[in-house]
Amino acid sequence: FARGKLRACRYHCEAELPKARQNLAF
């Protein structure tokens, strides 16, 4: 359970936050 939470956290930070920065830069 804990490892799954940490993996989802890592996924969001690595895969989704770059999209955030792209939107903000735009």
mmCIF file of all heavy atoms, coordinates in Angstrom:
data_MODEL
# 
_entry.id   MODEL 
# 
loop_
_atom_site.group_PDB 
_atom_site.id 
_atom_site.type_symbol 
_atom_site.label_atom_id 
_atom_site.label_alt_id 
_atom_site.label_comp_id 
_atom_site.label_asym_id 
_atom_site.label_entity_id 
_atom_site.label_seq_id 
_atom_site.pdbx_PDB_ins_code 
_atom_site.Cartn_x 
_atom_site.Cartn_y 
_atom_site.Cartn_z 
_atom_site.occupancy 
_atom_site.B_iso_or_equiv 
_atom_site.pdbx_formal_charge 
_atom_site.auth_seq_id 
_atom_site.auth_comp_id 
_atom_site.auth_asym_id 
_atom_site.auth_atom_id 
_atom_site.pdbx_PDB_model_num 
ATOM 1   N N   . PHE A 1 1  ? 0.840  -1.202 0.000   1.00 0.00 ? 1  PHE A N   1 
ATOM 2   C CA  . PHE A 1 1  ? 0.000  0.000  0.000   1.00 0.00 ? 1  PHE A CA  1 
ATOM 3   C C   . PHE A 1 1  ? 0.875  1.252  0.000   1.00 0.00 ? 1  PHE A C   1 
ATOM 4   O O   . PHE A 1 1  ? 0.683  2.164  -0.816  1.00 0.00 ? 1  PHE A O   1 
ATOM 5   C CB  . PHE A 1 1  ? -0.910 -0.011 1.225   1.00 0.00 ? 1  PHE A CB  1 
ATOM 6   C CG  . PHE A 1 1  ? -1.673 1.270  1.430   1.00 0.00 ? 1  PHE A CG  1 
ATOM 7   C CD1 . PHE A 1 1  ? -2.858 1.498  0.750   1.00 0.00 ? 1  PHE A CD1 1 
ATOM 8   C CD2 . PHE A 1 1  ? -1.212 2.252  2.307   1.00 0.00 ? 1  PHE A CD2 1 
ATOM 9   C CE1 . PHE A 1 1  ? -3.569 2.680  0.926   1.00 0.00 ? 1  PHE A CE1 1 
ATOM 10  C CE2 . PHE A 1 1  ? -1.912 3.431  2.495   1.00 0.00 ? 1  PHE A CE2 1 
ATOM 11  C CZ  . PHE A 1 1  ? -3.089 3.648  1.804   1.00 0.00 ? 1  PHE A CZ  1 
ATOM 12  N N   . ALA A 1 2  ? 1.841  1.294  0.913   1.00 0.00 ? 2  ALA A N   1 
ATOM 13  C CA  . ALA A 1 2  ? 2.714  2.466  1.014   1.00 0.00 ? 2  ALA A CA  1 
ATOM 14  C C   . ALA A 1 2  ? 3.566  2.616  -0.236  1.00 0.00 ? 2  ALA A C   1 
ATOM 15  O O   . ALA A 1 2  ? 3.752  3.729  -0.755  1.00 0.00 ? 2  ALA A O   1 
ATOM 16  C CB  . ALA A 1 2  ? 3.589  2.356  2.250   1.00 0.00 ? 2  ALA A CB  1 
ATOM 17  N N   . ARG A 1 3  ? 4.075  1.508  -0.738  1.00 0.00 ? 3  ARG A N   1 
ATOM 18  C CA  . ARG A 1 3  ? 4.907  1.581  -1.951  1.00 0.00 ? 3  ARG A CA  1 
ATOM 19  C C   . ARG A 1 3  ? 4.089  2.066  -3.136  1.00 0.00 ? 3  ARG A C   1 
ATOM 20  O O   . ARG A 1 3  ? 4.581  2.821  -3.991  1.00 0.00 ? 3  ARG A O   1 
ATOM 21  C CB  . ARG A 1 3  ? 5.528  0.218  -2.257  1.00 0.00 ? 3  ARG A CB  1 
ATOM 22  C CG  . ARG A 1 3  ? 6.510  -0.265 -1.196  1.00 0.00 ? 3  ARG A CG  1 
ATOM 23  C CD  . ARG A 1 3  ? 7.382  -1.416 -1.727  1.00 0.00 ? 3  ARG A CD  1 
ATOM 24  N NE  . ARG A 1 3  ? 6.602  -2.502 -2.291  1.00 0.00 ? 3  ARG A NE  1 
ATOM 25  C CZ  . ARG A 1 3  ? 6.105  -3.536 -1.620  1.00 0.00 ? 3  ARG A CZ  1 
ATOM 26  N NH1 . ARG A 1 3  ? 6.299  -3.605 -0.290  1.00 0.00 ? 3  ARG A NH1 1 
ATOM 27  N NH2 . ARG A 1 3  ? 5.415  -4.486 -2.219  1.00 0.00 ? 3  ARG A NH2 1 
ATOM 28  N N   . GLY A 1 4  ? 2.815  1.662  -3.193  1.00 0.00 ? 4  GLY A N   1 
ATOM 29  C CA  . GLY A 1 4  ? 1.944  2.135  -4.265  1.00 0.00 ? 4  GLY A CA  1 
ATOM 30  C C   . GLY A 1 4  ? 1.690  3.624  -4.193  1.00 0.00 ? 4  GLY A C   1 
ATOM 31  O O   . GLY A 1 4  ? 1.673  4.324  -5.219  1.00 0.00 ? 4  GLY A O   1 
ATOM 32  N N   . LYS A 1 5  ? 1.506  4.130  -2.984  1.00 0.00 ? 5  LYS A N   1 
ATOM 33  C CA  . LYS A 1 5  ? 1.336  5.574  -2.816  1.00 0.00 ? 5  LYS A CA  1 
ATOM 34  C C   . LYS A 1 5  ? 2.585  6.321  -3.272  1.00 0.00 ? 5  LYS A C   1 
ATOM 35  O O   . LYS A 1 5  ? 2.501  7.345  -3.975  1.00 0.00 ? 5  LYS A O   1 
ATOM 36  C CB  . LYS A 1 5  ? 1.060  5.903  -1.348  1.00 0.00 ? 5  LYS A CB  1 
ATOM 37  C CG  . LYS A 1 5  ? -0.311 5.523  -0.846  1.00 0.00 ? 5  LYS A CG  1 
ATOM 38  C CD  . LYS A 1 5  ? -1.333 6.536  -1.294  1.00 0.00 ? 5  LYS A CD  1 
ATOM 39  C CE  . LYS A 1 5  ? -2.687 6.232  -0.647  1.00 0.00 ? 5  LYS A CE  1 
ATOM 40  N NZ  . LYS A 1 5  ? -3.792 6.851  -1.405  1.00 0.00 ? 5  LYS A NZ  1 
ATOM 41  N N   . LEU A 1 6  ? 3.731  5.828  -2.871  1.00 0.00 ? 6  LEU A N   1 
ATOM 42  C CA  . LEU A 1 6  ? 4.980  6.497  -3.245  1.00 0.00 ? 6  LEU A CA  1 
ATOM 43  C C   . LEU A 1 6  ? 5.203  6.452  -4.748  1.00 0.00 ? 6  LEU A C   1 
ATOM 44  O O   . LEU A 1 6  ? 5.709  7.406  -5.344  1.00 0.00 ? 6  LEU A O   1 
ATOM 45  C CB  . LEU A 1 6  ? 6.158  5.853  -2.511  1.00 0.00 ? 6  LEU A CB  1 
ATOM 46  C CG  . LEU A 1 6  ? 6.174  6.067  -0.989  1.00 0.00 ? 6  LEU A CG  1 
ATOM 47  C CD1 . LEU A 1 6  ? 7.310  5.274  -0.365  1.00 0.00 ? 6  LEU A CD1 1 
ATOM 48  C CD2 . LEU A 1 6  ? 6.307  7.543  -0.644  1.00 0.00 ? 6  LEU A CD2 1 
ATOM 49  N N   . ARG A 1 7  ? 4.817  5.354  -5.372  1.00 0.00 ? 7  ARG A N   1 
ATOM 50  C CA  . ARG A 1 7  ? 4.987  5.269  -6.827  1.00 0.00 ? 7  ARG A CA  1 
ATOM 51  C C   . ARG A 1 7  ? 4.051  6.241  -7.539  1.00 0.00 ? 7  ARG A C   1 
ATOM 52  O O   . ARG A 1 7  ? 4.437  6.879  -8.528  1.00 0.00 ? 7  ARG A O   1 
ATOM 53  C CB  . ARG A 1 7  ? 4.759  3.841  -7.318  1.00 0.00 ? 7  ARG A CB  1 
ATOM 54  C CG  . ARG A 1 7  ? 5.140  3.640  -8.793  1.00 0.00 ? 7  ARG A CG  1 
ATOM 55  C CD  . ARG A 1 7  ? 5.147  2.175  -9.173  1.00 0.00 ? 7  ARG A CD  1 
ATOM 56  N NE  . ARG A 1 7  ? 6.188  1.447  -8.477  1.00 0.00 ? 7  ARG A NE  1 
ATOM 57  C CZ  . ARG A 1 7  ? 7.464  1.369  -8.880  1.00 0.00 ? 7  ARG A CZ  1 
ATOM 58  N NH1 . ARG A 1 7  ? 7.849  2.007  -9.977  1.00 0.00 ? 7  ARG A NH1 1 
ATOM 59  N NH2 . ARG A 1 7  ? 8.331  0.661  -8.192  1.00 0.00 ? 7  ARG A NH2 1 
ATOM 60  N N   . ALA A 1 8  ? 2.830  6.364  -7.042  1.00 0.00 ? 8  ALA A N   1 
ATOM 61  C CA  . ALA A 1 8  ? 1.898  7.325  -7.650  1.00 0.00 ? 8  ALA A CA  1 
ATOM 62  C C   . ALA A 1 8  ? 2.406  8.754  -7.461  1.00 0.00 ? 8  ALA A C   1 
ATOM 63  O O   . ALA A 1 8  ? 2.289  9.589  -8.364  1.00 0.00 ? 8  ALA A O   1 
ATOM 64  C CB  . ALA A 1 8  ? 0.507  7.171  -7.041  1.00 0.00 ? 8  ALA A CB  1 
ATOM 65  N N   . CYS A 1 9  ? 2.974  9.037  -6.297  1.00 0.00 ? 9  CYS A N   1 
ATOM 66  C CA  . CYS A 1 9  ? 3.571  10.345 -6.048  1.00 0.00 ? 9  CYS A CA  1 
ATOM 67  C C   . CYS A 1 9  ? 4.700  10.612 -7.038  1.00 0.00 ? 9  CYS A C   1 
ATOM 68  O O   . CYS A 1 9  ? 4.777  11.690 -7.646  1.00 0.00 ? 9  CYS A O   1 
ATOM 69  C CB  . CYS A 1 9  ? 4.087  10.412 -4.618  1.00 0.00 ? 9  CYS A CB  1 
ATOM 70  S SG  . CYS A 1 9  ? 5.027  11.905 -4.236  1.00 0.00 ? 9  CYS A SG  1 
ATOM 71  N N   . ARG A 1 10 ? 5.549  9.626  -7.207  1.00 0.00 ? 10 ARG A N   1 
ATOM 72  C CA  . ARG A 1 10 ? 6.666  9.781  -8.145  1.00 0.00 ? 10 ARG A CA  1 
ATOM 73  C C   . ARG A 1 10 ? 6.149  9.961  -9.567  1.00 0.00 ? 10 ARG A C   1 
ATOM 74  O O   . ARG A 1 10 ? 6.665  10.791 -10.331 1.00 0.00 ? 10 ARG A O   1 
ATOM 75  C CB  . ARG A 1 10 ? 7.600  8.569  -8.042  1.00 0.00 ? 10 ARG A CB  1 
ATOM 76  C CG  . ARG A 1 10 ? 8.807  8.641  -8.977  1.00 0.00 ? 10 ARG A CG  1 
ATOM 77  C CD  . ARG A 1 10 ? 9.888  7.655  -8.580  1.00 0.00 ? 10 ARG A CD  1 
ATOM 78  N NE  . ARG A 1 10 ? 10.499 8.018  -7.305  1.00 0.00 ? 10 ARG A NE  1 
ATOM 79  C CZ  . ARG A 1 10 ? 11.445 8.934  -7.166  1.00 0.00 ? 10 ARG A CZ  1 
ATOM 80  N NH1 . ARG A 1 10 ? 11.886 9.623  -8.228  1.00 0.00 ? 10 ARG A NH1 1 
ATOM 81  N NH2 . ARG A 1 10 ? 11.941 9.206  -5.980  1.00 0.00 ? 10 ARG A NH2 1 
ATOM 82  N N   . TYR A 1 11 ? 5.135  9.199  -9.941  1.00 0.00 ? 11 TYR A N   1 
ATOM 83  C CA  . TYR A 1 11 ? 4.576  9.338  -11.292 1.00 0.00 ? 11 TYR A CA  1 
ATOM 84  C C   . TYR A 1 11 ? 4.072  10.762 -11.507 1.00 0.00 ? 11 TYR A C   1 
ATOM 85  O O   . TYR A 1 11 ? 4.342  11.381 -12.544 1.00 0.00 ? 11 TYR A O   1 
ATOM 86  C CB  . TYR A 1 11 ? 3.434  8.336  -11.516 1.00 0.00 ? 11 TYR A CB  1 
ATOM 87  C CG  . TYR A 1 11 ? 2.752  8.535  -12.849 1.00 0.00 ? 11 TYR A CG  1 
ATOM 88  C CD1 . TYR A 1 11 ? 3.235  7.913  -13.996 1.00 0.00 ? 11 TYR A CD1 1 
ATOM 89  C CD2 . TYR A 1 11 ? 1.645  9.375  -12.975 1.00 0.00 ? 11 TYR A CD2 1 
ATOM 90  C CE1 . TYR A 1 11 ? 2.637  8.117  -15.234 1.00 0.00 ? 11 TYR A CE1 1 
ATOM 91  C CE2 . TYR A 1 11 ? 1.042  9.594  -14.199 1.00 0.00 ? 11 TYR A CE2 1 
ATOM 92  C CZ  . TYR A 1 11 ? 1.544  8.961  -15.325 1.00 0.00 ? 11 TYR A CZ  1 
ATOM 93  O OH  . TYR A 1 11 ? 0.949  9.181  -16.543 1.00 0.00 ? 11 TYR A OH  1 
ATOM 94  N N   . HIS A 1 12 ? 3.326  11.277 -10.544 1.00 0.00 ? 12 HIS A N   1 
ATOM 95  C CA  . HIS A 1 12 ? 2.772  12.623 -10.725 1.00 0.00 ? 12 HIS A CA  1 
ATOM 96  C C   . HIS A 1 12 ? 3.898  13.651 -10.857 1.00 0.00 ? 12 HIS A C   1 
ATOM 97  O O   . HIS A 1 12 ? 3.851  14.525 -11.735 1.00 0.00 ? 12 HIS A O   1 
ATOM 98  C CB  . HIS A 1 12 ? 1.861  13.001 -9.560  1.00 0.00 ? 12 HIS A CB  1 
ATOM 99  C CG  . HIS A 1 12 ? 1.153  14.306 -9.766  1.00 0.00 ? 12 HIS A CG  1 
ATOM 100 N ND1 . HIS A 1 12 ? -0.090 14.398 -10.351 1.00 0.00 ? 12 HIS A ND1 1 
ATOM 101 C CD2 . HIS A 1 12 ? 1.538  15.582 -9.517  1.00 0.00 ? 12 HIS A CD2 1 
ATOM 102 C CE1 . HIS A 1 12 ? -0.444 15.671 -10.438 1.00 0.00 ? 12 HIS A CE1 1 
ATOM 103 N NE2 . HIS A 1 12 ? 0.522  16.413 -9.929  1.00 0.00 ? 12 HIS A NE2 1 
ATOM 104 N N   . CYS A 1 13 ? 4.895  13.543 -10.000 1.00 0.00 ? 13 CYS A N   1 
ATOM 105 C CA  . CYS A 1 13 ? 5.980  14.528 -10.023 1.00 0.00 ? 13 CYS A CA  1 
ATOM 106 C C   . CYS A 1 13 ? 6.808  14.425 -11.304 1.00 0.00 ? 13 CYS A C   1 
ATOM 107 O O   . CYS A 1 13 ? 7.232  15.450 -11.864 1.00 0.00 ? 13 CYS A O   1 
ATOM 108 C CB  . CYS A 1 13 ? 6.870  14.358 -8.799  1.00 0.00 ? 13 CYS A CB  1 
ATOM 109 S SG  . CYS A 1 13 ? 6.061  14.833 -7.244  1.00 0.00 ? 13 CYS A SG  1 
ATOM 110 N N   . GLU A 1 14 ? 7.039  13.213 -11.776 1.00 0.00 ? 14 GLU A N   1 
ATOM 111 C CA  . GLU A 1 14 ? 7.901  13.025 -12.941 1.00 0.00 ? 14 GLU A CA  1 
ATOM 112 C C   . GLU A 1 14 ? 7.158  13.166 -14.266 1.00 0.00 ? 14 GLU A C   1 
ATOM 113 O O   . GLU A 1 14 ? 7.716  13.677 -15.238 1.00 0.00 ? 14 GLU A O   1 
ATOM 114 C CB  . GLU A 1 14 ? 8.577  11.659 -12.873 1.00 0.00 ? 14 GLU A CB  1 
ATOM 115 C CG  . GLU A 1 14 ? 9.572  11.526 -11.723 1.00 0.00 ? 14 GLU A CG  1 
ATOM 116 C CD  . GLU A 1 14 ? 10.184 10.147 -11.616 1.00 0.00 ? 14 GLU A CD  1 
ATOM 117 O OE1 . GLU A 1 14 ? 9.661  9.196  -12.248 1.00 0.00 ? 14 GLU A OE1 1 
ATOM 118 O OE2 . GLU A 1 14 ? 11.187 9.993  -10.884 1.00 0.00 ? 14 GLU A OE2 1 
ATOM 119 N N   . ALA A 1 15 ? 5.891  12.711 -14.313 1.00 0.00 ? 15 ALA A N   1 
ATOM 120 C CA  . ALA A 1 15 ? 5.148  12.705 -15.577 1.00 0.00 ? 15 ALA A CA  1 
ATOM 121 C C   . ALA A 1 15 ? 4.178  13.864 -15.716 1.00 0.00 ? 15 ALA A C   1 
ATOM 122 O O   . ALA A 1 15 ? 3.911  14.322 -16.831 1.00 0.00 ? 15 ALA A O   1 
ATOM 123 C CB  . ALA A 1 15 ? 4.388  11.375 -15.725 1.00 0.00 ? 15 ALA A CB  1 
ATOM 124 N N   . GLU A 1 16 ? 3.633  14.358 -14.609 1.00 0.00 ? 16 GLU A N   1 
ATOM 125 C CA  . GLU A 1 16 ? 2.586  15.377 -14.679 1.00 0.00 ? 16 GLU A CA  1 
ATOM 126 C C   . GLU A 1 16 ? 3.109  16.787 -14.401 1.00 0.00 ? 16 GLU A C   1 
ATOM 127 O O   . GLU A 1 16 ? 2.644  17.742 -15.020 1.00 0.00 ? 16 GLU A O   1 
ATOM 128 C CB  . GLU A 1 16 ? 1.456  15.032 -13.697 1.00 0.00 ? 16 GLU A CB  1 
ATOM 129 C CG  . GLU A 1 16 ? 0.759  13.707 -14.003 1.00 0.00 ? 16 GLU A CG  1 
ATOM 130 C CD  . GLU A 1 16 ? -0.010 13.713 -15.318 1.00 0.00 ? 16 GLU A CD  1 
ATOM 131 O OE1 . GLU A 1 16 ? -0.489 14.795 -15.722 1.00 0.00 ? 16 GLU A OE1 1 
ATOM 132 O OE2 . GLU A 1 16 ? -0.150 12.648 -15.945 1.00 0.00 ? 16 GLU A OE2 1 
ATOM 133 N N   . LEU A 1 17 ? 4.044  16.939 -13.477 1.00 0.00 ? 17 LEU A N   1 
ATOM 134 C CA  . LEU A 1 17 ? 4.545  18.293 -13.198 1.00 0.00 ? 17 LEU A CA  1 
ATOM 135 C C   . LEU A 1 17 ? 5.210  18.949 -14.405 1.00 0.00 ? 17 LEU A C   1 
ATOM 136 O O   . LEU A 1 17 ? 5.083  20.173 -14.575 1.00 0.00 ? 17 LEU A O   1 
ATOM 137 C CB  . LEU A 1 17 ? 5.491  18.276 -11.992 1.00 0.00 ? 17 LEU A CB  1 
ATOM 138 C CG  . LEU A 1 17 ? 4.818  18.132 -10.621 1.00 0.00 ? 17 LEU A CG  1 
ATOM 139 C CD1 . LEU A 1 17 ? 5.854  18.227 -9.505  1.00 0.00 ? 17 LEU A CD1 1 
ATOM 140 C CD2 . LEU A 1 17 ? 3.721  19.173 -10.412 1.00 0.00 ? 17 LEU A CD2 1 
ATOM 141 N N   . PRO A 1 18 ? 5.908  18.195 -15.272 1.00 0.00 ? 18 PRO A N   1 
ATOM 142 C CA  . PRO A 1 18 ? 6.412  18.849 -16.490 1.00 0.00 ? 18 PRO A CA  1 
ATOM 143 C C   . PRO A 1 18 ? 5.297  19.450 -17.341 1.00 0.00 ? 18 PRO A C   1 
ATOM 144 O O   . PRO A 1 18 ? 5.485  20.499 -17.970 1.00 0.00 ? 18 PRO A O   1 
ATOM 145 C CB  . PRO A 1 18 ? 7.143  17.718 -17.221 1.00 0.00 ? 18 PRO A CB  1 
ATOM 146 C CG  . PRO A 1 18 ? 7.577  16.792 -16.139 1.00 0.00 ? 18 PRO A CG  1 
ATOM 147 C CD  . PRO A 1 18 ? 6.457  16.821 -15.139 1.00 0.00 ? 18 PRO A CD  1 
ATOM 148 N N   . LYS A 1 19 ? 4.115  18.819 -17.347 1.00 0.00 ? 19 LYS A N   1 
ATOM 149 C CA  . LYS A 1 19 ? 2.978  19.378 -18.082 1.00 0.00 ? 19 LYS A CA  1 
ATOM 150 C C   . LYS A 1 19 ? 2.514  20.677 -17.434 1.00 0.00 ? 19 LYS A C   1 
ATOM 151 O O   . LYS A 1 19 ? 2.091  21.613 -18.125 1.00 0.00 ? 19 LYS A O   1 
ATOM 152 C CB  . LYS A 1 19 ? 1.829  18.365 -18.117 1.00 0.00 ? 19 LYS A CB  1 
ATOM 153 C CG  . LYS A 1 19 ? 2.162  17.046 -18.800 1.00 0.00 ? 19 LYS A CG  1 
ATOM 154 C CD  . LYS A 1 19 ? 0.990  16.077 -18.683 1.00 0.00 ? 19 LYS A CD  1 
ATOM 155 C CE  . LYS A 1 19 ? 1.343  14.704 -19.228 1.00 0.00 ? 19 LYS A CE  1 
ATOM 156 N NZ  . LYS A 1 19 ? 0.239  13.737 -19.044 1.00 0.00 ? 19 LYS A NZ  1 
ATOM 157 N N   . ALA A 1 20 ? 2.592  20.718 -16.104 1.00 0.00 ? 20 ALA A N   1 
ATOM 158 C CA  . ALA A 1 20 ? 2.222  21.949 -15.405 1.00 0.00 ? 20 ALA A CA  1 
ATOM 159 C C   . ALA A 1 20 ? 3.142  23.084 -15.803 1.00 0.00 ? 20 ALA A C   1 
ATOM 160 O O   . ALA A 1 20 ? 2.685  24.205 -16.091 1.00 0.00 ? 20 ALA A O   1 
ATOM 161 C CB  . ALA A 1 20 ? 2.280  21.724 -13.892 1.00 0.00 ? 20 ALA A CB  1 
ATOM 162 N N   . ARG A 1 21 ? 4.427  22.808 -15.820 1.00 0.00 ? 21 ARG A N   1 
ATOM 163 C CA  . ARG A 1 21 ? 5.384  23.863 -16.169 1.00 0.00 ? 21 ARG A CA  1 
ATOM 164 C C   . ARG A 1 21 ? 5.197  24.312 -17.609 1.00 0.00 ? 21 ARG A C   1 
ATOM 165 O O   . ARG A 1 21 ? 5.369  25.498 -17.935 1.00 0.00 ? 21 ARG A O   1 
ATOM 166 C CB  . ARG A 1 21 ? 6.807  23.368 -15.914 1.00 0.00 ? 21 ARG A CB  1 
ATOM 167 C CG  . ARG A 1 21 ? 7.089  23.114 -14.430 1.00 0.00 ? 21 ARG A CG  1 
ATOM 168 C CD  . ARG A 1 21 ? 8.574  22.922 -14.148 1.00 0.00 ? 21 ARG A CD  1 
ATOM 169 N NE  . ARG A 1 21 ? 9.113  21.699 -14.717 1.00 0.00 ? 21 ARG A NE  1 
ATOM 170 C CZ  . ARG A 1 21 ? 9.083  20.513 -14.125 1.00 0.00 ? 21 ARG A CZ  1 
ATOM 171 N NH1 . ARG A 1 21 ? 8.523  20.381 -12.922 1.00 0.00 ? 21 ARG A NH1 1 
ATOM 172 N NH2 . ARG A 1 21 ? 9.627  19.454 -14.693 1.00 0.00 ? 21 ARG A NH2 1 
ATOM 173 N N   . GLN A 1 22 ? 4.812  23.391 -18.477 1.00 0.00 ? 22 GLN A N   1 
ATOM 174 C CA  . GLN A 1 22 ? 4.550  23.754 -19.873 1.00 0.00 ? 22 GLN A CA  1 
ATOM 175 C C   . GLN A 1 22 ? 3.348  24.694 -19.961 1.00 0.00 ? 22 GLN A C   1 
ATOM 176 O O   . GLN A 1 22 ? 3.383  25.708 -20.671 1.00 0.00 ? 22 GLN A O   1 
ATOM 177 C CB  . GLN A 1 22 ? 4.296  22.501 -20.702 1.00 0.00 ? 22 GLN A CB  1 
ATOM 178 C CG  . GLN A 1 22 ? 4.031  22.774 -22.178 1.00 0.00 ? 22 GLN A CG  1 
ATOM 179 C CD  . GLN A 1 22 ? 3.751  21.498 -22.962 1.00 0.00 ? 22 GLN A CD  1 
ATOM 180 O OE1 . GLN A 1 22 ? 3.584  20.433 -22.382 1.00 0.00 ? 22 GLN A OE1 1 
ATOM 181 N NE2 . GLN A 1 22 ? 3.703  21.614 -24.277 1.00 0.00 ? 22 GLN A NE2 1 
ATOM 182 N N   . ASN A 1 23 ? 2.275  24.378 -19.243 1.00 0.00 ? 23 ASN A N   1 
ATOM 183 C CA  . ASN A 1 23 ? 1.096  25.245 -19.235 1.00 0.00 ? 23 ASN A CA  1 
ATOM 184 C C   . ASN A 1 23 ? 1.421  26.616 -18.657 1.00 0.00 ? 23 ASN A C   1 
ATOM 185 O O   . ASN A 1 23 ? 1.001  27.649 -19.193 1.00 0.00 ? 23 ASN A O   1 
ATOM 186 C CB  . ASN A 1 23 ? -0.025 24.595 -18.417 1.00 0.00 ? 23 ASN A CB  1 
ATOM 187 C CG  . ASN A 1 23 ? -0.989 23.784 -19.262 1.00 0.00 ? 23 ASN A CG  1 
ATOM 188 O OD1 . ASN A 1 23 ? -1.638 24.315 -20.160 1.00 0.00 ? 23 ASN A OD1 1 
ATOM 189 N ND2 . ASN A 1 23 ? -1.083 22.494 -18.981 1.00 0.00 ? 23 ASN A ND2 1 
ATOM 190 N N   . LEU A 1 24 ? 2.171  26.630 -17.570 1.00 0.00 ? 24 LEU A N   1 
ATOM 191 C CA  . LEU A 1 24 ? 2.500  27.903 -16.932 1.00 0.00 ? 24 LEU A CA  1 
ATOM 192 C C   . LEU A 1 24 ? 3.409  28.754 -17.809 1.00 0.00 ? 24 LEU A C   1 
ATOM 193 O O   . LEU A 1 24 ? 3.247  29.977 -17.883 1.00 0.00 ? 24 LEU A O   1 
ATOM 194 C CB  . LEU A 1 24 ? 3.143  27.634 -15.572 1.00 0.00 ? 24 LEU A CB  1 
ATOM 195 C CG  . LEU A 1 24 ? 2.197  27.001 -14.527 1.00 0.00 ? 24 LEU A CG  1 
ATOM 196 C CD1 . LEU A 1 24 ? 2.992  26.510 -13.330 1.00 0.00 ? 24 LEU A CD1 1 
ATOM 197 C CD2 . LEU A 1 24 ? 1.125  27.992 -14.096 1.00 0.00 ? 24 LEU A CD2 1 
ATOM 198 N N   . ALA A 1 25 ? 4.342  28.107 -18.488 1.00 0.00 ? 25 ALA A N   1 
ATOM 199 C CA  . ALA A 1 25 ? 5.220  28.846 -19.398 1.00 0.00 ? 25 ALA A CA  1 
ATOM 200 C C   . ALA A 1 25 ? 4.417  29.467 -20.540 1.00 0.00 ? 25 ALA A C   1 
ATOM 201 O O   . ALA A 1 25 ? 4.686  30.597 -20.973 1.00 0.00 ? 25 ALA A O   1 
ATOM 202 C CB  . ALA A 1 25 ? 6.312  27.923 -19.944 1.00 0.00 ? 25 ALA A CB  1 
ATOM 203 N N   . PHE A 1 26 ? 3.427  28.741 -21.021 1.00 0.00 ? 26 PHE A N   1 
ATOM 204 C CA  . PHE A 1 26 ? 2.564  29.261 -22.079 1.00 0.00 ? 26 PHE A CA  1 
ATOM 205 C C   . PHE A 1 26 ? 1.811  30.505 -21.601 1.00 0.00 ? 26 PHE A C   1 
ATOM 206 O O   . PHE A 1 26 ? 1.726  31.516 -22.308 1.00 0.00 ? 26 PHE A O   1 
ATOM 207 C CB  . PHE A 1 26 ? 1.582  28.180 -22.522 1.00 0.00 ? 26 PHE A CB  1 
ATOM 208 C CG  . PHE A 1 26 ? 0.613  28.620 -23.583 1.00 0.00 ? 26 PHE A CG  1 
ATOM 209 C CD1 . PHE A 1 26 ? 1.004  28.731 -24.906 1.00 0.00 ? 26 PHE A CD1 1 
ATOM 210 C CD2 . PHE A 1 26 ? -0.693 28.927 -23.256 1.00 0.00 ? 26 PHE A CD2 1 
ATOM 211 C CE1 . PHE A 1 26 ? 0.112  29.130 -25.891 1.00 0.00 ? 26 PHE A CE1 1 
ATOM 212 C CE2 . PHE A 1 26 ? -1.599 29.340 -24.225 1.00 0.00 ? 26 PHE A CE2 1 
ATOM 213 C CZ  . PHE A 1 26 ? -1.195 29.441 -25.546 1.00 0.00 ? 26 PHE A CZ  1 
# 
